[in-house]
Amino acid sequence: MFFSRFVLFVNERIEHVSNMSGVTLEEKLKALQTIEDELPAVLIVHSFPDGGVVHMSARGCRELGYTLEEIKGMGQEYYNRCFNPQDVEDYLPRIMELISAPESEAKEISFFQQVRLAGKDDWDWHLSTTRVLCRAADGTPTHLITCAIPIDPLHHVTSKLKRLLKENQFLRQHQHIFAELTKREKEILRLTALGHSAGEMARELHISEKTVVTHRRNIKSKINAESSYDLTKFAQAFDLI
């Protein structure tokens, strides 16, 4: 509950600056700089459509281990060094939807992302919120602002996120294999994962036990399964059970 209220408080402060009308980018950046040190979060302003970093709060620079000028000079390499590319596939399409939405409908999007901080090999989870900061006269977004709040590594959300990430990776790596399974093979896989014997499957599907055994052998070969556990894991990943 406290974490949710805290996130709401931070986003309300950002929203206030973002909604300042008749104000230039420079004036909005000055307004952000007056509050960024009091927020236990990192603020990043990106230009659109090139995605270059225009501003980052001092806390963000310290945590990444780069100066603002160094970050600006990295260009796209900044994203490669500091963020897990696997997350980008999930949140980039949502950011593009936000940008293309009519100004009257556009608000913000929130997403989890993994950041590599200075001196660390592992990723640190952050809850990030992105919204449009500035628009051109015709309403086209010119700058986006992102607020990134670190999540305590001991928080229960972190372990859940890691588990979801592993499941997501498994789905991506095996999606093409699942697509190659026939309708009958998916039926056999589902029943196998549920613990049905060859005889039970044969009666339910009105086929011979020999055909069931053949299908099961082909399935194991296709998904590279070595045990019943592998079959069950695959079936669960693709919501067959």
C-alpha atoms as a PDB file:
ATOM      1  CA  MET A   1       0.000   0.000   0.000  1.00  0.00           C
ATOM      2  CA  PHE A   2       2.797   2.436   0.915  1.00  0.00           C
ATOM      3  CA  PHE A   3       4.659   1.649  -2.311  1.00  0.00           C
ATOM      4  CA  SER A   4       1.517   2.363  -4.372  1.00  0.00           C
ATOM      5  CA  ARG A   5       0.948   5.698  -2.623  1.00  0.00           C
ATOM      6  CA  PHE A   6       4.597   6.602  -3.056  1.00  0.00           C
ATOM      7  CA  VAL A   7       4.449   5.888  -6.807  1.00  0.00           C
ATOM      8  CA  LEU A   8       1.273   7.963  -7.072  1.00  0.00           C
ATOM      9  CA  PHE A   9       2.924  10.891  -5.263  1.00  0.00           C
ATOM     10  CA  VAL A  10       5.953  10.878  -7.565  1.00  0.00           C
ATOM     11  CA  ASN A  11       3.849  10.618 -10.714  1.00  0.00           C
ATOM     12  CA  GLU A  12       1.592  13.458  -9.583  1.00  0.00           C
ATOM     13  CA  ARG A  13       4.615  15.758  -9.276  1.00  0.00           C
ATOM     14  CA  ILE A  14       5.770  14.762 -12.774  1.00  0.00           C
ATOM     15  CA  GLU A  15       2.267  15.192 -14.197  1.00  0.00           C
ATOM     16  CA  HIS A  16       2.082  18.722 -12.816  1.00  0.00           C
ATOM     17  CA  VAL A  17       5.208  19.750 -14.733  1.00  0.00           C
ATOM     18  CA  SER A  18       4.184  17.889 -17.883  1.00  0.00           C
ATOM     19  CA  ASN A  19       0.817  19.642 -18.012  1.00  0.00           C
ATOM     20  CA  MET A  20       2.240  23.160 -17.727  1.00  0.00           C
ATOM     21  CA  SER A  21       0.821  24.895 -20.793  1.00  0.00           C
ATOM     22  CA  GLY A  22       2.515  27.678 -22.767  1.00  0.00           C
ATOM     23  CA  VAL A  23       5.871  26.725 -21.264  1.00  0.00           C
ATOM     24  CA  THR A  24       9.063  25.938 -23.184  1.00  0.00           C
ATOM     25  CA  LEU A  25      11.142  22.788 -22.761  1.00  0.00           C
ATOM     26  CA  GLU A  26      13.859  24.796 -20.991  1.00  0.00           C
ATOM     27  CA  GLU A  27      11.348  26.151 -18.489  1.00  0.00           C
ATOM     28  CA  LYS A  28       9.964  22.683 -17.822  1.00  0.00           C
ATOM     29  CA  LEU A  29      13.470  21.330 -17.283  1.00  0.00           C
ATOM     30  CA  LYS A  30      14.143  24.082 -14.750  1.00  0.00           C
ATOM     31  CA  ALA A  31      10.904  23.205 -12.959  1.00  0.00           C
ATOM     32  CA  LEU A  32      11.936  19.542 -12.855  1.00  0.00           C
ATOM     33  CA  GLN A  33      15.355  20.417 -11.457  1.00  0.00           C
ATOM     34  CA  THR A  34      13.730  22.185  -8.518  1.00  0.00           C
ATOM     35  CA  ILE A  35      11.972  18.976  -7.412  1.00  0.00           C
ATOM     36  CA  GLU A  36      14.129  16.105  -8.671  1.00  0.00           C
ATOM     37  CA  ASP A  37      16.474  16.036  -5.671  1.00  0.00           C
ATOM     38  CA  GLU A  38      13.574  15.531  -3.262  1.00  0.00           C
ATOM     39  CA  LEU A  39      12.225  12.565  -5.225  1.00  0.00           C
ATOM     40  CA  PRO A  40      13.675   9.089  -4.509  1.00  0.00           C
ATOM     41  CA  ALA A  41      13.380   8.349  -8.201  1.00  0.00           C
ATOM     42  CA  VAL A  42      15.281   8.983 -11.424  1.00  0.00           C
ATOM     43  CA  LEU A  43      13.930  11.436 -14.006  1.00  0.00           C
ATOM     44  CA  ILE A  44      14.948  11.130 -17.668  1.00  0.00           C
ATOM     45  CA  VAL A  45      13.860  13.378 -20.531  1.00  0.00           C
ATOM     46  CA  HIS A  46      14.175  11.986 -24.069  1.00  0.00           C
ATOM     47  CA  SER A  47      13.827  13.760 -27.381  1.00  0.00           C
ATOM     48  CA  PHE A  48      11.515  12.216 -29.955  1.00  0.00           C
ATOM     49  CA  PRO A  49      11.823  10.534 -32.393  1.00  0.00           C
ATOM     50  CA  ASP A  50      15.574   9.992 -32.054  1.00  0.00           C
ATOM     51  CA  GLY A  51      15.336   8.927 -28.378  1.00  0.00           C
ATOM     52  CA  GLY A  52      18.363  10.943 -27.288  1.00  0.00           C
ATOM     53  CA  VAL A  53      18.689  11.807 -23.607  1.00  0.00           C
ATOM     54  CA  VAL A  54      18.161  15.546 -23.045  1.00  0.00           C
ATOM     55  CA  HIS A  55      18.237  15.494 -19.256  1.00  0.00           C
ATOM     56  CA  MET A  56      18.750  13.038 -16.416  1.00  0.00           C
ATOM     57  CA  SER A  57      18.501  13.817 -12.721  1.00  0.00           C
ATOM     58  CA  ALA A  58      21.745  13.781 -10.746  1.00  0.00           C
ATOM     59  CA  ARG A  59      20.648  10.627  -8.930  1.00  0.00           C
ATOM     60  CA  GLY A  60      20.332   8.761 -12.230  1.00  0.00           C
ATOM     61  CA  CYS A  61      23.776   9.828 -13.378  1.00  0.00           C
ATOM     62  CA  ARG A  62      25.292   8.708 -10.074  1.00  0.00           C
ATOM     63  CA  GLU A  63      23.574   5.329 -10.168  1.00  0.00           C
ATOM     64  CA  LEU A  64      24.595   4.632 -13.759  1.00  0.00           C
ATOM     65  CA  GLY A  65      28.136   5.914 -13.181  1.00  0.00           C
ATOM     66  CA  TYR A  66      28.147   8.391 -16.085  1.00  0.00           C
ATOM     67  CA  THR A  67      27.923  12.146 -16.370  1.00  0.00           C
ATOM     68  CA  LEU A  68      25.010  13.648 -18.268  1.00  0.00           C
ATOM     69  CA  GLU A  69      27.348  14.691 -21.084  1.00  0.00           C
ATOM     70  CA  GLU A  70      28.695  11.139 -21.351  1.00  0.00           C
ATOM     71  CA  ILE A  71      25.165   9.761 -21.548  1.00  0.00           C
ATOM     72  CA  LYS A  72      24.232  12.283 -24.229  1.00  0.00           C
ATOM     73  CA  GLY A  73      27.325  11.345 -26.196  1.00  0.00           C
ATOM     74  CA  MET A  74      26.507   7.613 -26.147  1.00  0.00           C
ATOM     75  CA  GLY A  75      23.491   7.929 -28.396  1.00  0.00           C
ATOM     76  CA  GLN A  76      21.769   4.556 -28.804  1.00  0.00           C
ATOM     77  CA  GLU A  77      24.664   2.816 -27.049  1.00  0.00           C
ATOM     78  CA  TYR A  78      23.215   4.203 -23.808  1.00  0.00           C
ATOM     79  CA  TYR A  79      20.281   1.802 -24.128  1.00  0.00           C
ATOM     80  CA  ASN A  80      22.527  -1.158 -24.963  1.00  0.00           C
ATOM     81  CA  ARG A  81      24.761  -0.594 -21.935  1.00  0.00           C
ATOM     82  CA  CYS A  82      22.211   0.266 -19.297  1.00  0.00           C
ATOM     83  CA  PHE A  83      19.025  -1.674 -20.064  1.00  0.00           C
ATOM     84  CA  ASN A  84      18.112  -5.311 -20.605  1.00  0.00           C
ATOM     85  CA  PRO A  85      17.137  -5.578 -24.308  1.00  0.00           C
ATOM     86  CA  GLN A  86      14.652  -8.357 -23.524  1.00  0.00           C
ATOM     87  CA  ASP A  87      12.440  -5.841 -21.711  1.00  0.00           C
ATOM     88  CA  VAL A  88      12.414  -3.444 -24.655  1.00  0.00           C
ATOM     89  CA  GLU A  89      10.331  -5.866 -26.729  1.00  0.00           C
ATOM     90  CA  ASP A  90       7.556  -5.531 -24.157  1.00  0.00           C
ATOM     91  CA  TYR A  91       7.441  -1.812 -23.426  1.00  0.00           C
ATOM     92  CA  LEU A  92       8.584  -0.190 -26.694  1.00  0.00           C
ATOM     93  CA  PRO A  93       5.323  -1.000 -28.557  1.00  0.00           C
ATOM     94  CA  ARG A  94       3.379   0.547 -25.662  1.00  0.00           C
ATOM     95  CA  ILE A  95       5.482   3.703 -25.804  1.00  0.00           C
ATOM     96  CA  MET A  96       4.797   3.961 -29.538  1.00  0.00           C
ATOM     97  CA  GLU A  97       1.067   3.622 -28.868  1.00  0.00           C
ATOM     98  CA  LEU A  98       1.321   6.400 -26.290  1.00  0.00           C
ATOM     99  CA  ILE A  99       3.056   8.672 -28.780  1.00  0.00           C
ATOM    100  CA  SER A 100       0.565   7.986 -31.565  1.00  0.00           C
ATOM    101  CA  ALA A 101      -2.501   8.491 -29.342  1.00  0.00           C
ATOM    102  CA  PRO A 102      -4.478  11.744 -29.746  1.00  0.00           C
ATOM    103  CA  GLU A 103      -3.406  14.435 -27.294  1.00  0.00           C
ATOM    104  CA  SER A 104      -6.818  14.321 -25.613  1.00  0.00           C
ATOM    105  CA  GLU A 105      -6.387  10.587 -24.887  1.00  0.00           C
ATOM    106  CA  ALA A 106      -2.658  10.300 -24.170  1.00  0.00           C
ATOM    107  CA  LYS A 107      -1.775   9.929 -20.489  1.00  0.00           C
ATOM    108  CA  GLU A 108       1.084   7.669 -19.403  1.00  0.00           C
ATOM    109  CA  ILE A 109       2.198   4.071 -19.384  1.00  0.00           C
ATOM    110  CA  SER A 110       3.943   2.132 -16.610  1.00  0.00           C
ATOM    111  CA  PHE A 111       6.226  -0.855 -17.019  1.00  0.00           C
ATOM    112  CA  PHE A 112       8.935  -2.823 -15.263  1.00  0.00           C
ATOM    113  CA  GLN A 113      12.453  -2.709 -16.641  1.00  0.00           C
ATOM    114  CA  GLN A 114      15.879  -3.977 -15.658  1.00  0.00           C
ATOM    115  CA  VAL A 115      18.717  -1.490 -15.319  1.00  0.00           C
ATOM    116  CA  ARG A 116      22.433  -2.163 -14.939  1.00  0.00           C
ATOM    117  CA  LEU A 117      23.812   0.185 -12.311  1.00  0.00           C
ATOM    118  CA  ALA A 118      27.440   1.226 -11.929  1.00  0.00           C
ATOM    119  CA  GLY A 119      29.740  -1.495 -10.587  1.00  0.00           C
ATOM    120  CA  LYS A 120      27.119  -4.244 -10.882  1.00  0.00           C
ATOM    121  CA  ASP A 121      26.874  -7.214 -13.220  1.00  0.00           C
ATOM    122  CA  ASP A 122      23.269  -8.074 -12.373  1.00  0.00           C
ATOM    123  CA  TRP A 123      20.163  -6.136 -13.336  1.00  0.00           C
ATOM    124  CA  ASP A 124      18.188  -4.022 -10.878  1.00  0.00           C
ATOM    125  CA  TRP A 125      14.416  -3.830 -11.305  1.00  0.00           C
ATOM    126  CA  HIS A 126      12.716  -0.440 -11.653  1.00  0.00           C
ATOM    127  CA  LEU A 127       9.103   0.578 -12.064  1.00  0.00           C
ATOM    128  CA  SER A 128       9.056   3.222 -14.792  1.00  0.00           C
ATOM    129  CA  THR A 129       6.336   5.589 -15.983  1.00  0.00           C
ATOM    130  CA  THR A 130       6.576   7.438 -19.294  1.00  0.00           C
ATOM    131  CA  ARG A 131       4.451  10.330 -20.549  1.00  0.00           C
ATOM    132  CA  VAL A 132       4.706  13.093 -23.146  1.00  0.00           C
ATOM    133  CA  LEU A 133       6.491  16.159 -21.754  1.00  0.00           C
ATOM    134  CA  CYS A 134       6.385  18.539 -24.726  1.00  0.00           C
ATOM    135  CA  ARG A 135       4.564  18.746 -28.064  1.00  0.00           C
ATOM    136  CA  ALA A 136       5.043  20.769 -31.221  1.00  0.00           C
ATOM    137  CA  ALA A 137       2.430  23.304 -32.351  1.00  0.00           C
ATOM    138  CA  ASP A 138       0.639  20.582 -34.351  1.00  0.00           C
ATOM    139  CA  GLY A 139       0.439  18.309 -31.294  1.00  0.00           C
ATOM    140  CA  THR A 140       3.258  15.972 -32.325  1.00  0.00           C
ATOM    141  CA  PRO A 141       5.303  14.772 -29.303  1.00  0.00           C
ATOM    142  CA  THR A 142       8.815  16.219 -29.234  1.00  0.00           C
ATOM    143  CA  HIS A 143       9.966  15.073 -25.782  1.00  0.00           C
ATOM    144  CA  LEU A 144       9.069  12.282 -23.363  1.00  0.00           C
ATOM    145  CA  ILE A 145       9.741  12.073 -19.646  1.00  0.00           C
ATOM    146  CA  THR A 146      10.313   8.855 -17.736  1.00  0.00           C
ATOM    147  CA  CYS A 147      10.266   8.453 -13.970  1.00  0.00           C
ATOM    148  CA  ALA A 148      12.103   5.315 -12.793  1.00  0.00           C
ATOM    149  CA  ILE A 149      11.609   4.112  -9.224  1.00  0.00           C
ATOM    150  CA  PRO A 150      13.955   1.366  -7.921  1.00  0.00           C
ATOM    151  CA  ILE A 151      12.379  -1.724  -6.402  1.00  0.00           C
ATOM    152  CA  ASP A 152      13.947  -3.142  -3.258  1.00  0.00           C
ATOM    153  CA  PRO A 153      15.647  -6.455  -4.253  1.00  0.00           C
ATOM    154  CA  LEU A 154      14.109  -8.050  -1.145  1.00  0.00           C
ATOM    155  CA  HIS A 155      10.597  -6.931  -2.106  1.00  0.00           C
ATOM    156  CA  HIS A 156       8.277  -9.818  -3.065  1.00  0.00           C
ATOM    157  CA  VAL A 157       7.569  -8.115  -6.404  1.00  0.00           C
ATOM    158  CA  THR A 158      11.178  -8.651  -7.501  1.00  0.00           C
ATOM    159  CA  SER A 159      11.049 -12.447  -7.207  1.00  0.00           C
ATOM    160  CA  LYS A 160       7.752 -12.506  -9.110  1.00  0.00           C
ATOM    161  CA  LEU A 161       9.207 -10.355 -11.874  1.00  0.00           C
ATOM    162  CA  LYS A 162      12.195 -12.661 -12.242  1.00  0.00           C
ATOM    163  CA  ARG A 163       9.881 -15.655 -12.536  1.00  0.00           C
ATOM    164  CA  LEU A 164       7.727 -13.892 -15.135  1.00  0.00           C
ATOM    165  CA  LEU A 165      10.834 -12.933 -17.101  1.00  0.00           C
ATOM    166  CA  LYS A 166      11.979 -16.568 -17.229  1.00  0.00           C
ATOM    167  CA  GLU A 167       8.542 -17.655 -18.420  1.00  0.00           C
ATOM    168  CA  ASN A 168       8.581 -14.920 -21.048  1.00  0.00           C
ATOM    169  CA  GLN A 169      12.011 -16.004 -22.273  1.00  0.00           C
ATOM    170  CA  PHE A 170      10.853 -19.615 -22.507  1.00  0.00           C
ATOM    171  CA  LEU A 171       7.821 -18.604 -24.585  1.00  0.00           C
ATOM    172  CA  ARG A 172       9.913 -16.562 -27.000  1.00  0.00           C
ATOM    173  CA  GLN A 173      12.518 -19.285 -27.409  1.00  0.00           C
ATOM    174  CA  HIS A 174       9.948 -22.020 -28.048  1.00  0.00           C
ATOM    175  CA  GLN A 175       7.109 -20.207 -29.811  1.00  0.00           C
ATOM    176  CA  HIS A 176       8.212 -21.443 -33.234  1.00  0.00           C
ATOM    177  CA  ILE A 177       8.319 -25.044 -31.973  1.00  0.00           C
ATOM    178  CA  PHE A 178       4.826 -24.804 -30.479  1.00  0.00           C
ATOM    179  CA  ALA A 179       3.528 -23.412 -33.786  1.00  0.00           C
ATOM    180  CA  GLU A 180       4.871 -26.497 -35.602  1.00  0.00           C
ATOM    181  CA  LEU A 181       2.885 -28.936 -33.420  1.00  0.00           C
ATOM    182  CA  THR A 182      -0.252 -30.280 -35.075  1.00  0.00           C
ATOM    183  CA  LYS A 183      -3.664 -30.018 -33.431  1.00  0.00           C
ATOM    184  CA  ARG A 184      -3.519 -33.730 -32.542  1.00  0.00           C
ATOM    185  CA  GLU A 185      -0.023 -33.398 -31.070  1.00  0.00           C
ATOM    186  CA  LYS A 186      -1.218 -30.533 -28.857  1.00  0.00           C
ATOM    187  CA  GLU A 187      -4.086 -32.740 -27.646  1.00  0.00           C
ATOM    188  CA  ILE A 188      -1.667 -35.560 -26.860  1.00  0.00           C
ATOM    189  CA  LEU A 189       0.709 -33.152 -25.119  1.00  0.00           C
ATOM    190  CA  ARG A 190      -2.114 -31.757 -22.980  1.00  0.00           C
ATOM    191  CA  LEU A 191      -3.360 -35.188 -21.920  1.00  0.00           C
ATOM    192  CA  THR A 192       0.174 -36.418 -21.262  1.00  0.00           C
ATOM    193  CA  ALA A 193       0.843 -33.425 -19.029  1.00  0.00           C
ATOM    194  CA  LEU A 194      -2.373 -34.212 -17.158  1.00  0.00           C
ATOM    195  CA  GLY A 195      -1.055 -37.715 -16.437  1.00  0.00           C
ATOM    196  CA  HIS A 196      -3.232 -39.756 -18.806  1.00  0.00           C
ATOM    197  CA  SER A 197      -1.922 -43.114 -19.944  1.00  0.00           C
ATOM    198  CA  ALA A 198      -1.637 -44.134 -23.610  1.00  0.00           C
ATOM    199  CA  GLY A 199      -4.721 -46.321 -23.232  1.00  0.00           C
ATOM    200  CA  GLU A 200      -6.783 -43.533 -21.713  1.00  0.00           C
ATOM    201  CA  MET A 201      -5.756 -41.137 -24.466  1.00  0.00           C
ATOM    202  CA  ALA A 202      -6.530 -43.700 -27.145  1.00  0.00           C
ATOM    203  CA  ARG A 203     -10.072 -44.170 -25.841  1.00  0.00           C
ATOM    204  CA  GLU A 204     -10.695 -40.436 -25.432  1.00  0.00           C
ATOM    205  CA  LEU A 205      -9.367 -39.507 -28.872  1.00  0.00           C
ATOM    206  CA  HIS A 206     -10.688 -42.637 -30.631  1.00  0.00           C
ATOM    207  CA  ILE A 207      -7.312 -43.673 -31.962  1.00  0.00           C
ATOM    208  CA  SER A 208      -5.061 -46.671 -31.327  1.00  0.00           C
ATOM    209  CA  GLU A 209      -2.535 -46.858 -28.509  1.00  0.00           C
ATOM    210  CA  LYS A 210       0.170 -47.339 -31.114  1.00  0.00           C
ATOM    211  CA  THR A 211      -0.794 -44.012 -32.704  1.00  0.00           C
ATOM    212  CA  VAL A 212      -0.709 -42.324 -29.307  1.00  0.00           C
ATOM    213  CA  VAL A 213       2.777 -43.688 -28.627  1.00  0.00           C
ATOM    214  CA  THR A 214       3.952 -42.502 -32.037  1.00  0.00           C
ATOM    215  CA  HIS A 215       2.560 -39.011 -31.460  1.00  0.00           C
ATOM    216  CA  ARG A 216       4.154 -38.831 -28.028  1.00  0.00           C
ATOM    217  CA  ARG A 217       7.524 -39.872 -29.418  1.00  0.00           C
ATOM    218  CA  ASN A 218       7.274 -37.233 -32.155  1.00  0.00           C
ATOM    219  CA  ILE A 219       6.325 -34.560 -29.614  1.00  0.00           C
ATOM    220  CA  LYS A 220       9.319 -35.375 -27.425  1.00  0.00           C
ATOM    221  CA  SER A 221      11.568 -35.113 -30.432  1.00  0.00           C
ATOM    222  CA  LYS A 222      10.106 -31.796 -31.581  1.00  0.00           C
ATOM    223  CA  ILE A 223      10.304 -30.034 -28.221  1.00  0.00           C
ATOM    224  CA  ASN A 224      13.505 -31.798 -27.186  1.00  0.00           C
ATOM    225  CA  ALA A 225      11.890 -33.220 -24.037  1.00  0.00           C
ATOM    226  CA  GLU A 226      13.786 -35.799 -21.996  1.00  0.00           C
ATOM    227  CA  SER A 227      11.252 -36.384 -19.230  1.00  0.00           C
ATOM    228  CA  SER A 228       7.607 -36.058 -18.260  1.00  0.00           C
ATOM    229  CA  TYR A 229       8.575 -32.893 -16.391  1.00  0.00           C
ATOM    230  CA  ASP A 230       9.781 -31.315 -19.658  1.00  0.00           C
ATOM    231  CA  LEU A 231       6.479 -32.187 -21.330  1.00  0.00           C
ATOM    232  CA  THR A 232       4.472 -30.723 -18.459  1.00  0.00           C
ATOM    233  CA  LYS A 233       6.587 -27.550 -18.356  1.00  0.00           C
ATOM    234  CA  PHE A 234       6.058 -27.025 -22.078  1.00  0.00           C
ATOM    235  CA  ALA A 235       2.315 -27.618 -21.820  1.00  0.00           C
ATOM    236  CA  GLN A 236       1.999 -25.189 -18.913  1.00  0.00           C
ATOM    237  CA  ALA A 237       4.003 -22.494 -20.677  1.00  0.00           C
ATOM    238  CA  PHE A 238       1.575 -22.495 -23.585  1.00  0.00           C
ATOM    239  CA  ASP A 239      -1.563 -22.762 -21.442  1.00  0.00           C
ATOM    240  CA  LEU A 240      -2.510 -26.263 -22.549  1.00  0.00           C
ATOM    241  CA  ILE A 241      -3.201 -27.139 -18.915  1.00  0.00           C
END
